[in-house]
């Protein structure tokens, strides 16, 4: 289980750190997606900060602060549940798999962290 926990948590942290950077750089795909679901570009730095904080918290969990890792994973589950809801409310179903994949990674990280 420790191997699965480490692999899934590292993947989740890297994915969230990567998308946080894309948000901060206002990558074209980020701007297009946020416009499509009705999120103003002024919110991107805040969303990036939440994703980066989640990634950092997951890393801290791996480095021996398990409560922070569990809290970070839980926070990311809440964040990406919200992202899925925003996509559904905007009736943007064609790329629902993207926030769904982030949600799945966060949920797996949470389950594995809580089981330790």
PDB file of N, CA and C in Angstrom:
ATOM      1  N   UNK A   1       0.811  -1.191   0.000  1.00  0.00           N
ATOM      2  CA  UNK A   1       0.000   0.000   0.000  1.00  0.00           C
ATOM      3  C   UNK A   1       0.854   1.254   0.000  1.00  0.00           C
ATOM      4  N   UNK A   2       1.988   1.235   0.655  1.00  0.00           N
ATOM      5  CA  UNK A   2       2.843   2.419   0.673  1.00  0.00           C
ATOM      6  C   UNK A   2       3.306   2.792  -0.728  1.00  0.00           C
ATOM      7  N   UNK A   3       3.598   1.801  -1.559  1.00  0.00           N
ATOM      8  CA  UNK A   3       4.027   2.095  -2.922  1.00  0.00           C
ATOM      9  C   UNK A   3       2.902   2.771  -3.702  1.00  0.00           C
ATOM     10  N   UNK A   4       1.705   2.238  -3.579  1.00  0.00           N
ATOM     11  CA  UNK A   4       0.550   2.842  -4.261  1.00  0.00           C
ATOM     12  C   UNK A   4       0.321   4.262  -3.753  1.00  0.00           C
ATOM     13  N   UNK A   5       0.409   4.449  -2.453  1.00  0.00           N
ATOM     14  CA  UNK A   5       0.225   5.779  -1.864  1.00  0.00           C
ATOM     15  C   UNK A   5       1.230   6.771  -2.432  1.00  0.00           C
ATOM     16  N   UNK A   6       2.484   6.376  -2.478  1.00  0.00           N
ATOM     17  CA  UNK A   6       3.531   7.278  -2.964  1.00  0.00           C
ATOM     18  C   UNK A   6       3.309   7.598  -4.445  1.00  0.00           C
ATOM     19  N   UNK A   7       3.067   6.581  -5.251  1.00  0.00           N
ATOM     20  CA  UNK A   7       2.907   6.795  -6.692  1.00  0.00           C
ATOM     21  C   UNK A   7       1.703   7.689  -6.982  1.00  0.00           C
ATOM     22  N   UNK A   8       0.563   7.365  -6.401  1.00  0.00           N
ATOM     23  CA  UNK A   8      -0.655   8.137  -6.666  1.00  0.00           C
ATOM     24  C   UNK A   8      -0.511   9.565  -6.149  1.00  0.00           C
ATOM     25  N   UNK A   9       0.085   9.715  -4.974  1.00  0.00           N
ATOM     26  CA  UNK A   9       0.224  11.050  -4.393  1.00  0.00           C
ATOM     27  C   UNK A   9       1.211  11.901  -5.175  1.00  0.00           C
ATOM     28  N   UNK A  10       2.296  11.308  -5.628  1.00  0.00           N
ATOM     29  CA  UNK A  10       3.250  12.056  -6.458  1.00  0.00           C
ATOM     30  C   UNK A  10       2.579  12.479  -7.770  1.00  0.00           C
ATOM     31  N   UNK A  11       1.845  11.576  -8.394  1.00  0.00           N
ATOM     32  CA  UNK A  11       1.133  11.922  -9.637  1.00  0.00           C
ATOM     33  C   UNK A  11       0.128  13.051  -9.404  1.00  0.00           C
ATOM     34  N   UNK A  12      -0.585  12.970  -8.299  1.00  0.00           N
ATOM     35  CA  UNK A  12      -1.571  14.004  -7.982  1.00  0.00           C
ATOM     36  C   UNK A  12      -0.889  15.346  -7.741  1.00  0.00           C
ATOM     37  N   UNK A  13       0.203  15.329  -6.996  1.00  0.00           N
ATOM     38  CA  UNK A  13       0.940  16.571  -6.718  1.00  0.00           C
ATOM     39  C   UNK A  13       1.499  17.169  -8.005  1.00  0.00           C
ATOM     40  N   UNK A  14       2.089  16.335  -8.856  1.00  0.00           N
ATOM     41  CA  UNK A  14       2.648  16.837 -10.116  1.00  0.00           C
ATOM     42  C   UNK A  14       1.564  17.389 -11.033  1.00  0.00           C
ATOM     43  N   UNK A  15       0.444  16.688 -11.116  1.00  0.00           N
ATOM     44  CA  UNK A  15      -0.654  17.152 -11.967  1.00  0.00           C
ATOM     45  C   UNK A  15      -1.174  18.508 -11.491  1.00  0.00           C
ATOM     46  N   UNK A  16      -1.329  18.656 -10.189  1.00  0.00           N
ATOM     47  CA  UNK A  16      -1.848  19.912  -9.658  1.00  0.00           C
ATOM     48  C   UNK A  16      -0.831  21.035  -9.746  1.00  0.00           C
ATOM     49  N   UNK A  17       0.422  20.732  -9.530  1.00  0.00           N
ATOM     50  CA  UNK A  17       1.459  21.759  -9.694  1.00  0.00           C
ATOM     51  C   UNK A  17       1.515  22.208 -11.152  1.00  0.00           C
ATOM     52  N   UNK A  18       1.417  21.264 -12.066  1.00  0.00           N
ATOM     53  CA  UNK A  18       1.460  21.598 -13.487  1.00  0.00           C
ATOM     54  C   UNK A  18       0.302  22.472 -13.927  1.00  0.00           C
ATOM     55  N   UNK A  19      -0.910  22.134 -13.479  1.00  0.00           N
ATOM     56  CA  UNK A  19      -2.056  22.938 -13.898  1.00  0.00           C
ATOM     57  C   UNK A  19      -2.057  24.285 -13.181  1.00  0.00           C
ATOM     58  N   UNK A  20      -1.485  24.355 -11.998  1.00  0.00           N
ATOM     59  CA  UNK A  20      -1.361  25.644 -11.310  1.00  0.00           C
ATOM     60  C   UNK A  20      -0.450  26.577 -12.106  1.00  0.00           C
ATOM     61  N   UNK A  21       0.646  26.038 -12.621  1.00  0.00           N
ATOM     62  CA  UNK A  21       1.548  26.842 -13.457  1.00  0.00           C
ATOM     63  C   UNK A  21       0.825  27.283 -14.731  1.00  0.00           C
ATOM     64  N   UNK A  22       0.082  26.370 -15.344  1.00  0.00           N
ATOM     65  CA  UNK A  22      -0.670  26.731 -16.557  1.00  0.00           C
ATOM     66  C   UNK A  22      -1.682  27.835 -16.261  1.00  0.00           C
ATOM     67  N   UNK A  23      -2.322  27.757 -15.096  1.00  0.00           N
ATOM     68  CA  UNK A  23      -3.260  28.820 -14.701  1.00  0.00           C
ATOM     69  C   UNK A  23      -2.535  30.153 -14.561  1.00  0.00           C
ATOM     70  N   UNK A  24      -1.395  30.135 -13.879  1.00  0.00           N
ATOM     71  CA  UNK A  24      -0.643  31.377 -13.655  1.00  0.00           C
ATOM     72  C   UNK A  24      -0.127  31.977 -14.966  1.00  0.00           C
ATOM     73  N   UNK A  25       0.256  31.116 -15.890  1.00  0.00           N
ATOM     74  CA  UNK A  25       0.752  31.587 -17.186  1.00  0.00           C
ATOM     75  C   UNK A  25      -0.380  31.921 -18.146  1.00  0.00           C
ATOM     76  N   UNK A  26      -1.601  31.683 -17.728  1.00  0.00           N
ATOM     77  CA  UNK A  26      -2.774  31.923 -18.558  1.00  0.00           C
ATOM     78  C   UNK A  26      -2.639  31.240 -19.925  1.00  0.00           C
ATOM     79  N   UNK A  27      -2.348  29.957 -19.851  1.00  0.00           N
ATOM     80  CA  UNK A  27      -2.216  29.161 -21.072  1.00  0.00           C
ATOM     81  C   UNK A  27      -3.512  29.250 -21.879  1.00  0.00           C
ATOM     82  N   UNK A  28      -3.385  29.169 -23.189  1.00  0.00           N
ATOM     83  CA  UNK A  28      -4.547  29.308 -24.072  1.00  0.00           C
ATOM     84  C   UNK A  28      -5.664  28.329 -23.712  1.00  0.00           C
ATOM     85  N   UNK A  29      -5.302  27.070 -23.427  1.00  0.00           N
ATOM     86  CA  UNK A  29      -6.342  26.088 -23.117  1.00  0.00           C
ATOM     87  C   UNK A  29      -7.023  26.414 -21.793  1.00  0.00           C
ATOM     88  N   UNK A  30      -6.307  27.003 -20.857  1.00  0.00           N
ATOM     89  CA  UNK A  30      -6.901  27.392 -19.581  1.00  0.00           C
ATOM     90  C   UNK A  30      -7.887  28.536 -19.799  1.00  0.00           C
ATOM     91  N   UNK A  31      -7.473  29.538 -20.560  1.00  0.00           N
ATOM     92  CA  UNK A  31      -8.356  30.672 -20.841  1.00  0.00           C
ATOM     93  C   UNK A  31      -9.610  30.232 -21.595  1.00  0.00           C
ATOM     94  N   UNK A  32      -9.445  29.341 -22.563  1.00  0.00           N
ATOM     95  CA  UNK A  32     -10.592  28.854 -23.339  1.00  0.00           C
ATOM     96  C   UNK A  32     -11.556  28.080 -22.446  1.00  0.00           C
ATOM     97  N   UNK A  33     -11.014  27.210 -21.624  1.00  0.00           N
ATOM     98  CA  UNK A  33     -11.865  26.400 -20.757  1.00  0.00           C
ATOM     99  C   UNK A  33     -12.566  27.263 -19.720  1.00  0.00           C
ATOM    100  N   UNK A  34     -11.849  28.183 -19.101  1.00  0.00           N
ATOM    101  CA  UNK A  34     -12.478  29.014 -18.075  1.00  0.00           C
ATOM    102  C   UNK A  34     -13.554  29.912 -18.689  1.00  0.00           C
ATOM    103  N   UNK A  35     -13.324  30.406 -19.887  1.00  0.00           N
ATOM    104  CA  UNK A  35     -14.351  31.208 -20.560  1.00  0.00           C
ATOM    105  C   UNK A  35     -15.589  30.362 -20.857  1.00  0.00           C
ATOM    106  N   UNK A  36     -15.362  29.146 -21.266  1.00  0.00           N
ATOM    107  CA  UNK A  36     -16.465  28.267 -21.630  1.00  0.00           C
ATOM    108  C   UNK A  36     -17.362  27.941 -20.433  1.00  0.00           C
ATOM    109  N   UNK A  37     -16.768  27.834 -19.236  1.00  0.00           N
ATOM    110  CA  UNK A  37     -17.565  27.502 -18.056  1.00  0.00           C
ATOM    111  C   UNK A  37     -17.944  28.733 -17.240  1.00  0.00           C
ATOM    112  N   UNK A  38     -17.525  29.922 -17.703  1.00  0.00           N
ATOM    113  CA  UNK A  38     -17.934  31.156 -17.059  1.00  0.00           C
ATOM    114  C   UNK A  38     -17.083  31.613 -15.891  1.00  0.00           C
ATOM    115  N   UNK A  39     -15.837  31.177 -15.852  1.00  0.00           N
ATOM    116  CA  UNK A  39     -14.917  31.623 -14.796  1.00  0.00           C
ATOM    117  C   UNK A  39     -14.093  32.777 -15.352  1.00  0.00           C
ATOM    118  N   UNK A  40     -14.166  33.948 -14.726  1.00  0.00           N
ATOM    119  CA  UNK A  40     -13.408  35.086 -15.244  1.00  0.00           C
ATOM    120  C   UNK A  40     -11.898  34.896 -15.066  1.00  0.00           C
ATOM    121  N   UNK A  41     -11.105  35.420 -15.999  1.00  0.00           N
ATOM    122  CA  UNK A  41      -9.647  35.285 -15.912  1.00  0.00           C
ATOM    123  C   UNK A  41      -9.057  35.846 -14.620  1.00  0.00           C
ATOM    124  N   UNK A  42      -9.738  36.792 -14.005  1.00  0.00           N
ATOM    125  CA  UNK A  42      -9.235  37.362 -12.751  1.00  0.00           C
ATOM    126  C   UNK A  42      -9.214  36.348 -11.615  1.00  0.00           C
ATOM    127  N   UNK A  43      -9.941  35.266 -11.758  1.00  0.00           N
ATOM    128  CA  UNK A  43      -9.968  34.217 -10.721  1.00  0.00           C
ATOM    129  C   UNK A  43      -8.834  33.204 -10.876  1.00  0.00           C
ATOM    130  N   UNK A  44      -8.181  33.200 -12.014  1.00  0.00           N
ATOM    131  CA  UNK A  44      -7.158  32.175 -12.270  1.00  0.00           C
ATOM    132  C   UNK A  44      -6.029  32.167 -11.240  1.00  0.00           C
ATOM    133  N   UNK A  45      -5.503  33.315 -10.819  1.00  0.00           N
ATOM    134  CA  UNK A  45      -4.445  33.249  -9.799  1.00  0.00           C
ATOM    135  C   UNK A  45      -4.924  32.613  -8.490  1.00  0.00           C
ATOM    136  N   UNK A  46      -6.167  32.854  -8.119  1.00  0.00           N
ATOM    137  CA  UNK A  46      -6.710  32.255  -6.894  1.00  0.00           C
ATOM    138  C   UNK A  46      -6.861  30.747  -7.051  1.00  0.00           C
ATOM    139  N   UNK A  47      -7.354  30.329  -8.199  1.00  0.00           N
ATOM    140  CA  UNK A  47      -7.497  28.891  -8.451  1.00  0.00           C
ATOM    141  C   UNK A  47      -6.129  28.218  -8.494  1.00  0.00           C
ATOM    142  N   UNK A  48      -5.162  28.901  -9.108  1.00  0.00           N
ATOM    143  CA  UNK A  48      -3.799  28.365  -9.153  1.00  0.00           C
ATOM    144  C   UNK A  48      -3.227  28.225  -7.749  1.00  0.00           C
ATOM    145  N   UNK A  49      -3.483  29.205  -6.903  1.00  0.00           N
ATOM    146  CA  UNK A  49      -2.972  29.151  -5.529  1.00  0.00           C
ATOM    147  C   UNK A  49      -3.557  27.968  -4.769  1.00  0.00           C
ATOM    148  N   UNK A  50      -4.830  27.699  -4.966  1.00  0.00           N
ATOM    149  CA  UNK A  50      -5.449  26.555  -4.292  1.00  0.00           C
ATOM    150  C   UNK A  50      -4.857  25.235  -4.779  1.00  0.00           C
ATOM    151  N   UNK A  51      -4.665  25.127  -6.089  1.00  0.00           N
ATOM    152  CA  UNK A  51      -4.077  23.901  -6.641  1.00  0.00           C
ATOM    153  C   UNK A  51      -2.636  23.726  -6.176  1.00  0.00           C
ATOM    154  N   UNK A  52      -1.871  24.815  -6.162  1.00  0.00           N
ATOM    155  CA  UNK A  52      -0.473  24.747  -5.711  1.00  0.00           C
ATOM    156  C   UNK A  52      -0.406  24.399  -4.229  1.00  0.00           C
ATOM    157  N   UNK A  53      -1.292  24.967  -3.438  1.00  0.00           N
ATOM    158  CA  UNK A  53      -1.318  24.645  -2.005  1.00  0.00           C
ATOM    159  C   UNK A  53      -1.650  23.174  -1.796  1.00  0.00           C
ATOM    160  N   UNK A  54      -2.581  22.661  -2.593  1.00  0.00           N
ATOM    161  CA  UNK A  54      -2.901  21.237  -2.503  1.00  0.00           C
ATOM    162  C   UNK A  54      -1.711  20.374  -2.851  1.00  0.00           C
ATOM    163  N   UNK A  55      -1.015  20.730  -3.914  1.00  0.00           N
ATOM    164  CA  UNK A  55       0.174  19.972  -4.313  1.00  0.00           C
ATOM    165  C   UNK A  55       1.240  20.020  -3.219  1.00  0.00           C
ATOM    166  N   UNK A  56       1.472  21.201  -2.667  1.00  0.00           N
ATOM    167  CA  UNK A  56       2.473  21.341  -1.603  1.00  0.00           C
ATOM    168  C   UNK A  56       2.075  20.536  -0.376  1.00  0.00           C
ATOM    169  N   UNK A  57       0.801  20.556  -0.042  1.00  0.00           N
ATOM    170  CA  UNK A  57       0.338  19.784   1.108  1.00  0.00           C
ATOM    171  C   UNK A  57       0.503  18.290   0.904  1.00  0.00           C
ATOM    172  N   UNK A  58       0.266  17.826  -0.309  1.00  0.00           N
ATOM    173  CA  UNK A  58       0.483  16.405  -0.602  1.00  0.00           C
ATOM    174  C   UNK A  58       1.945  16.034  -0.419  1.00  0.00           C
ATOM    175  N   UNK A  59       2.832  16.900  -0.874  1.00  0.00           N
ATOM    176  CA  UNK A  59       4.270  16.644  -0.717  1.00  0.00           C
ATOM    177  C   UNK A  59       4.644  16.623   0.765  1.00  0.00           C
ATOM    178  N   UNK A  60       4.095  17.560   1.536  1.00  0.00           N
ATOM    179  CA  UNK A  60       4.368  17.547   2.979  1.00  0.00           C
ATOM    180  C   UNK A  60       3.883  16.249   3.618  1.00  0.00           C
ATOM    181  N   UNK A  61       2.755  15.754   3.153  1.00  0.00           N
ATOM    182  CA  UNK A  61       2.268  14.467   3.646  1.00  0.00           C
ATOM    183  C   UNK A  61       3.230  13.343   3.349  1.00  0.00           C
ATOM    184  N   UNK A  62       3.815  13.374   2.166  1.00  0.00           N
ATOM    185  CA  UNK A  62       4.814  12.359   1.804  1.00  0.00           C
ATOM    186  C   UNK A  62       6.084  12.488   2.632  1.00  0.00           C
ATOM    187  N   UNK A  63       6.379  13.712   3.043  1.00  0.00           N
ATOM    188  CA  UNK A  63       7.619  13.972   3.791  1.00  0.00           C
ATOM    189  C   UNK A  63       7.470  13.799   5.293  1.00  0.00           C
ATOM    190  N   UNK A  64       6.327  13.278   5.725  1.00  0.00           N
ATOM    191  CA  UNK A  64       6.210  12.946   7.138  1.00  0.00           C
ATOM    192  C   UNK A  64       5.227  13.767   7.944  1.00  0.00           C
ATOM    193  N   UNK A  65       4.399  14.561   7.294  1.00  0.00           N
ATOM    194  CA  UNK A  65       3.361  15.304   8.009  1.00  0.00           C
ATOM    195  C   UNK A  65       2.014  14.789   7.492  1.00  0.00           C
ATOM    196  N   UNK A  66       1.624  13.602   7.940  1.00  0.00           N
ATOM    197  CA  UNK A  66       0.458  12.942   7.345  1.00  0.00           C
ATOM    198  C   UNK A  66      -0.842  13.729   7.460  1.00  0.00           C
ATOM    199  N   UNK A  67      -1.057  14.448   8.535  1.00  0.00           N
ATOM    200  CA  UNK A  67      -2.301  15.205   8.686  1.00  0.00           C
ATOM    201  C   UNK A  67      -2.416  16.273   7.599  1.00  0.00           C
ATOM    202  N   UNK A  68      -1.311  16.883   7.237  1.00  0.00           N
ATOM    203  CA  UNK A  68      -1.331  17.891   6.176  1.00  0.00           C
ATOM    204  C   UNK A  68      -1.631  17.226   4.833  1.00  0.00           C
ATOM    205  N   UNK A  69      -1.059  16.058   4.602  1.00  0.00           N
ATOM    206  CA  UNK A  69      -1.329  15.338   3.359  1.00  0.00           C
ATOM    207  C   UNK A  69      -2.787  14.957   3.226  1.00  0.00           C
ATOM    208  N   UNK A  70      -3.385  14.484   4.305  1.00  0.00           N
ATOM    209  CA  UNK A  70      -4.808  14.122   4.281  1.00  0.00           C
ATOM    210  C   UNK A  70      -5.658  15.366   4.044  1.00  0.00           C
ATOM    211  N   UNK A  71      -5.333  16.452   4.742  1.00  0.00           N
ATOM    212  CA  UNK A  71      -6.089  17.699   4.571  1.00  0.00           C
ATOM    213  C   UNK A  71      -5.962  18.229   3.144  1.00  0.00           C
ATOM    214  N   UNK A  72      -4.770  18.166   2.588  1.00  0.00           N
ATOM    215  CA  UNK A  72      -4.551  18.635   1.218  1.00  0.00           C
ATOM    216  C   UNK A  72      -5.347  17.796   0.227  1.00  0.00           C
ATOM    217  N   UNK A  73      -5.311  16.491   0.388  1.00  0.00           N
ATOM    218  CA  UNK A  73      -6.074  15.610  -0.506  1.00  0.00           C
ATOM    219  C   UNK A  73      -7.564  15.896  -0.372  1.00  0.00           C
ATOM    220  N   UNK A  74      -8.033  16.075   0.850  1.00  0.00           N
ATOM    221  CA  UNK A  74      -9.445  16.405   1.064  1.00  0.00           C
ATOM    222  C   UNK A  74      -9.821  17.732   0.426  1.00  0.00           C
ATOM    223  N   UNK A  75      -8.931  18.709   0.556  1.00  0.00           N
ATOM    224  CA  UNK A  75      -9.177  20.008  -0.065  1.00  0.00           C
ATOM    225  C   UNK A  75      -9.249  19.908  -1.580  1.00  0.00           C
ATOM    226  N   UNK A  76      -8.366  19.108  -2.161  1.00  0.00           N
ATOM    227  CA  UNK A  76      -8.395  18.922  -3.614  1.00  0.00           C
ATOM    228  C   UNK A  76      -9.650  18.182  -4.061  1.00  0.00           C
ATOM    229  N   UNK A  77     -10.116  17.233  -3.261  1.00  0.00           N
ATOM    230  CA  UNK A  77     -11.374  16.552  -3.587  1.00  0.00           C
ATOM    231  C   UNK A  77     -12.510  17.571  -3.623  1.00  0.00           C
ATOM    232  N   UNK A  78     -12.564  18.433  -2.628  1.00  0.00           N
ATOM    233  CA  UNK A  78     -13.610  19.470  -2.612  1.00  0.00           C
ATOM    234  C   UNK A  78     -13.468  20.417  -3.799  1.00  0.00           C
ATOM    235  N   UNK A  79     -12.240  20.838  -4.076  1.00  0.00           N
ATOM    236  CA  UNK A  79     -11.987  21.760  -5.184  1.00  0.00           C
ATOM    237  C   UNK A  79     -12.466  21.166  -6.502  1.00  0.00           C
ATOM    238  N   UNK A  80     -12.061  19.935  -6.785  1.00  0.00           N
ATOM    239  CA  UNK A  80     -12.407  19.355  -8.079  1.00  0.00           C
ATOM    240  C   UNK A  80     -13.854  18.863  -8.148  1.00  0.00           C
ATOM    241  N   UNK A  81     -14.470  18.602  -7.006  1.00  0.00           N
ATOM    242  CA  UNK A  81     -15.913  18.369  -7.005  1.00  0.00           C
ATOM    243  C   UNK A  81     -16.606  19.647  -7.467  1.00  0.00           C
ATOM    244  N   UNK A  82     -16.131  20.776  -6.954  1.00  0.00           N
ATOM    245  CA  UNK A  82     -16.665  22.066  -7.401  1.00  0.00           C
ATOM    246  C   UNK A  82     -16.436  22.294  -8.886  1.00  0.00           C
ATOM    247  N   UNK A  83     -15.272  21.906  -9.383  1.00  0.00           N
ATOM    248  CA  UNK A  83     -14.979  22.075 -10.811  1.00  0.00           C
ATOM    249  C   UNK A  83     -15.923  21.231 -11.664  1.00  0.00           C
ATOM    250  N   UNK A  84     -16.191  20.022 -11.236  1.00  0.00           N
ATOM    251  CA  UNK A  84     -17.128  19.166 -11.972  1.00  0.00           C
ATOM    252  C   UNK A  84     -18.519  19.807 -11.968  1.00  0.00           C
ATOM    253  N   UNK A  85     -18.933  20.316 -10.822  1.00  0.00           N
ATOM    254  CA  UNK A  85     -20.240  20.964 -10.725  1.00  0.00           C
ATOM    255  C   UNK A  85     -20.310  22.181 -11.650  1.00  0.00           C
ATOM    256  N   UNK A  86     -19.248  22.983 -11.684  1.00  0.00           N
ATOM    257  CA  UNK A  86     -19.221  24.157 -12.567  1.00  0.00           C
ATOM    258  C   UNK A  86     -19.359  23.730 -14.021  1.00  0.00           C
ATOM    259  N   UNK A  87     -18.668  22.676 -14.415  1.00  0.00           N
ATOM    260  CA  UNK A  87     -18.777  22.176 -15.791  1.00  0.00           C
ATOM    261  C   UNK A  87     -20.201  21.700 -16.085  1.00  0.00           C
ATOM    262  N   UNK A  88     -20.798  20.988 -15.137  1.00  0.00           N
ATOM    263  CA  UNK A  88     -22.158  20.481 -15.348  1.00  0.00           C
ATOM    264  C   UNK A  88     -23.170  21.621 -15.430  1.00  0.00           C
ATOM    265  N   UNK A  89     -23.028  22.605 -14.554  1.00  0.00           N
ATOM    266  CA  UNK A  89     -23.968  23.738 -14.573  1.00  0.00           C
ATOM    267  C   UNK A  89     -23.846  24.550 -15.853  1.00  0.00           C
ATOM    268  N   UNK A  90     -22.627  24.626 -16.394  1.00  0.00           N
ATOM    269  CA  UNK A  90     -22.419  25.347 -17.652  1.00  0.00           C
ATOM    270  C   UNK A  90     -22.763  24.483 -18.865  1.00  0.00           C
ATOM    271  N   UNK A  91     -23.148  23.252 -18.607  1.00  0.00           N
ATOM    272  CA  UNK A  91     -23.482  22.284 -19.663  1.00  0.00           C
ATOM    273  C   UNK A  91     -22.302  22.069 -20.615  1.00  0.00           C
ATOM    274  N   UNK A  92     -21.131  22.027 -20.025  1.00  0.00           N
ATOM    275  CA  UNK A  92     -19.904  21.763 -20.792  1.00  0.00           C
ATOM    276  C   UNK A  92     -19.504  20.324 -20.466  1.00  0.00           C
ATOM    277  N   UNK A  93     -20.011  19.414 -21.263  1.00  0.00           N
ATOM    278  CA  UNK A  93     -19.790  17.995 -21.001  1.00  0.00           C
ATOM    279  C   UNK A  93     -18.642  17.406 -21.809  1.00  0.00           C
ATOM    280  N   UNK A  94     -18.248  18.077 -22.871  1.00  0.00           N
ATOM    281  CA  UNK A  94     -17.244  17.501 -23.762  1.00  0.00           C
ATOM    282  C   UNK A  94     -15.870  17.399 -23.114  1.00  0.00           C
ATOM    283  N   UNK A  95     -15.593  18.203 -22.097  1.00  0.00           N
ATOM    284  CA  UNK A  95     -14.290  18.072 -21.420  1.00  0.00           C
ATOM    285  C   UNK A  95     -14.450  17.835 -19.931  1.00  0.00           C
ATOM    286  N   UNK A  96     -15.540  17.209 -19.552  1.00  0.00           N
ATOM    287  CA  UNK A  96     -15.796  16.868 -18.156  1.00  0.00           C
ATOM    288  C   UNK A  96     -14.769  15.870 -17.621  1.00  0.00           C
ATOM    289  N   UNK A  97     -14.160  15.118 -18.509  1.00  0.00           N
ATOM    290  CA  UNK A  97     -13.170  14.137 -18.089  1.00  0.00           C
ATOM    291  C   UNK A  97     -11.943  14.783 -17.452  1.00  0.00           C
ATOM    292  N   UNK A  98     -11.651  16.016 -17.818  1.00  0.00           N
ATOM    293  CA  UNK A  98     -10.456  16.674 -17.269  1.00  0.00           C
ATOM    294  C   UNK A  98     -10.609  16.931 -15.766  1.00  0.00           C
ATOM    295  N   UNK A  99     -11.636  17.685 -15.331  1.00  0.00           N
ATOM    296  CA  UNK A  99     -11.762  17.838 -13.881  1.00  0.00           C
ATOM    297  C   UNK A  99     -12.084  16.510 -13.193  1.00  0.00           C
ATOM    298  N   UNK A 100     -12.752  15.613 -13.927  1.00  0.00           N
ATOM    299  CA  UNK A 100     -13.037  14.292 -13.367  1.00  0.00           C
ATOM    300  C   UNK A 100     -11.770  13.501 -13.081  1.00  0.00           C
ATOM    301  N   UNK A 101     -10.788  13.613 -13.960  1.00  0.00           N
ATOM    302  CA  UNK A 101      -9.518  12.907 -13.743  1.00  0.00           C
ATOM    303  C   UNK A 101      -8.774  13.489 -12.544  1.00  0.00           C
ATOM    304  N   UNK A 102      -8.765  14.812 -12.434  1.00  0.00           N
ATOM    305  CA  UNK A 102      -8.136  15.439 -11.261  1.00  0.00           C
ATOM    306  C   UNK A 102      -8.859  15.037  -9.980  1.00  0.00           C
ATOM    307  N   UNK A 103     -10.179  14.968 -10.039  1.00  0.00           N
ATOM    308  CA  UNK A 103     -10.962  14.542  -8.885  1.00  0.00           C
ATOM    309  C   UNK A 103     -10.627  13.102  -8.512  1.00  0.00           C
ATOM    310  N   UNK A 104     -10.517  12.239  -9.500  1.00  0.00           N
ATOM    311  CA  UNK A 104     -10.189  10.834  -9.236  1.00  0.00           C
ATOM    312  C   UNK A 104      -8.816  10.701  -8.592  1.00  0.00           C
ATOM    313  N   UNK A 105      -7.838  11.460  -9.097  1.00  0.00           N
ATOM    314  CA  UNK A 105      -6.505  11.421  -8.489  1.00  0.00           C
ATOM    315  C   UNK A 105      -6.548  11.908  -7.043  1.00  0.00           C
ATOM    316  N   UNK A 106      -7.239  13.014  -6.814  1.00  0.00           N
ATOM    317  CA  UNK A 106      -7.334  13.551  -5.455  1.00  0.00           C
ATOM    318  C   UNK A 106      -8.040  12.572  -4.526  1.00  0.00           C
ATOM    319  N   UNK A 107      -9.122  11.963  -5.000  1.00  0.00           N
ATOM    320  CA  UNK A 107      -9.854  10.997  -4.187  1.00  0.00           C
ATOM    321  C   UNK A 107      -8.996   9.780  -3.857  1.00  0.00           C
ATOM    322  N   UNK A 108      -8.266   9.293  -4.836  1.00  0.00           N
ATOM    323  CA  UNK A 108      -7.375   8.155  -4.597  1.00  0.00           C
ATOM    324  C   UNK A 108      -6.289   8.527  -3.583  1.00  0.00           C
ATOM    325  N   UNK A 109      -5.749   9.735  -3.714  1.00  0.00           N
ATOM    326  CA  UNK A 109      -4.739  10.195  -2.748  1.00  0.00           C
ATOM    327  C   UNK A 109      -5.335  10.267  -1.353  1.00  0.00           C
ATOM    328  N   UNK A 110      -6.558  10.759  -1.261  1.00  0.00           N
ATOM    329  CA  UNK A 110      -7.208  10.878   0.052  1.00  0.00           C
ATOM    330  C   UNK A 110      -7.440   9.507   0.682  1.00  0.00           C
ATOM    331  N   UNK A 111      -7.969   8.592  -0.099  1.00  0.00           N
ATOM    332  CA  UNK A 111      -8.244   7.235   0.426  1.00  0.00           C
ATOM    333  C   UNK A 111      -6.949   6.577   0.880  1.00  0.00           C
ATOM    334  N   UNK A 112      -5.911   6.655   0.059  1.00  0.00           N
ATOM    335  CA  UNK A 112      -4.645   6.009   0.399  1.00  0.00           C
ATOM    336  C   UNK A 112      -3.965   6.690   1.592  1.00  0.00           C
ATOM    337  N   UNK A 113      -4.052   8.012   1.669  1.00  0.00           N
ATOM    338  CA  UNK A 113      -3.450   8.723   2.802  1.00  0.00           C
ATOM    339  C   UNK A 113      -4.187   8.410   4.095  1.00  0.00           C
ATOM    340  N   UNK A 114      -5.510   8.366   4.027  1.00  0.00           N
ATOM    341  CA  UNK A 114      -6.309   8.096   5.228  1.00  0.00           C
ATOM    342  C   UNK A 114      -6.139   6.655   5.710  1.00  0.00           C
ATOM    343  N   UNK A 115      -5.802   5.755   4.798  1.00  0.00           N
ATOM    344  CA  UNK A 115      -5.644   4.336   5.145  1.00  0.00           C
ATOM    345  C   UNK A 115      -4.285   4.032   5.785  1.00  0.00           C
ATOM    346  N   UNK A 116      -3.383   4.985   5.778  1.00  0.00           N
ATOM    347  CA  UNK A 116      -2.039   4.726   6.315  1.00  0.00           C
ATOM    348  C   UNK A 116      -2.028   4.711   7.808  1.00  0.00           C
TER     349      UNK A 116
END
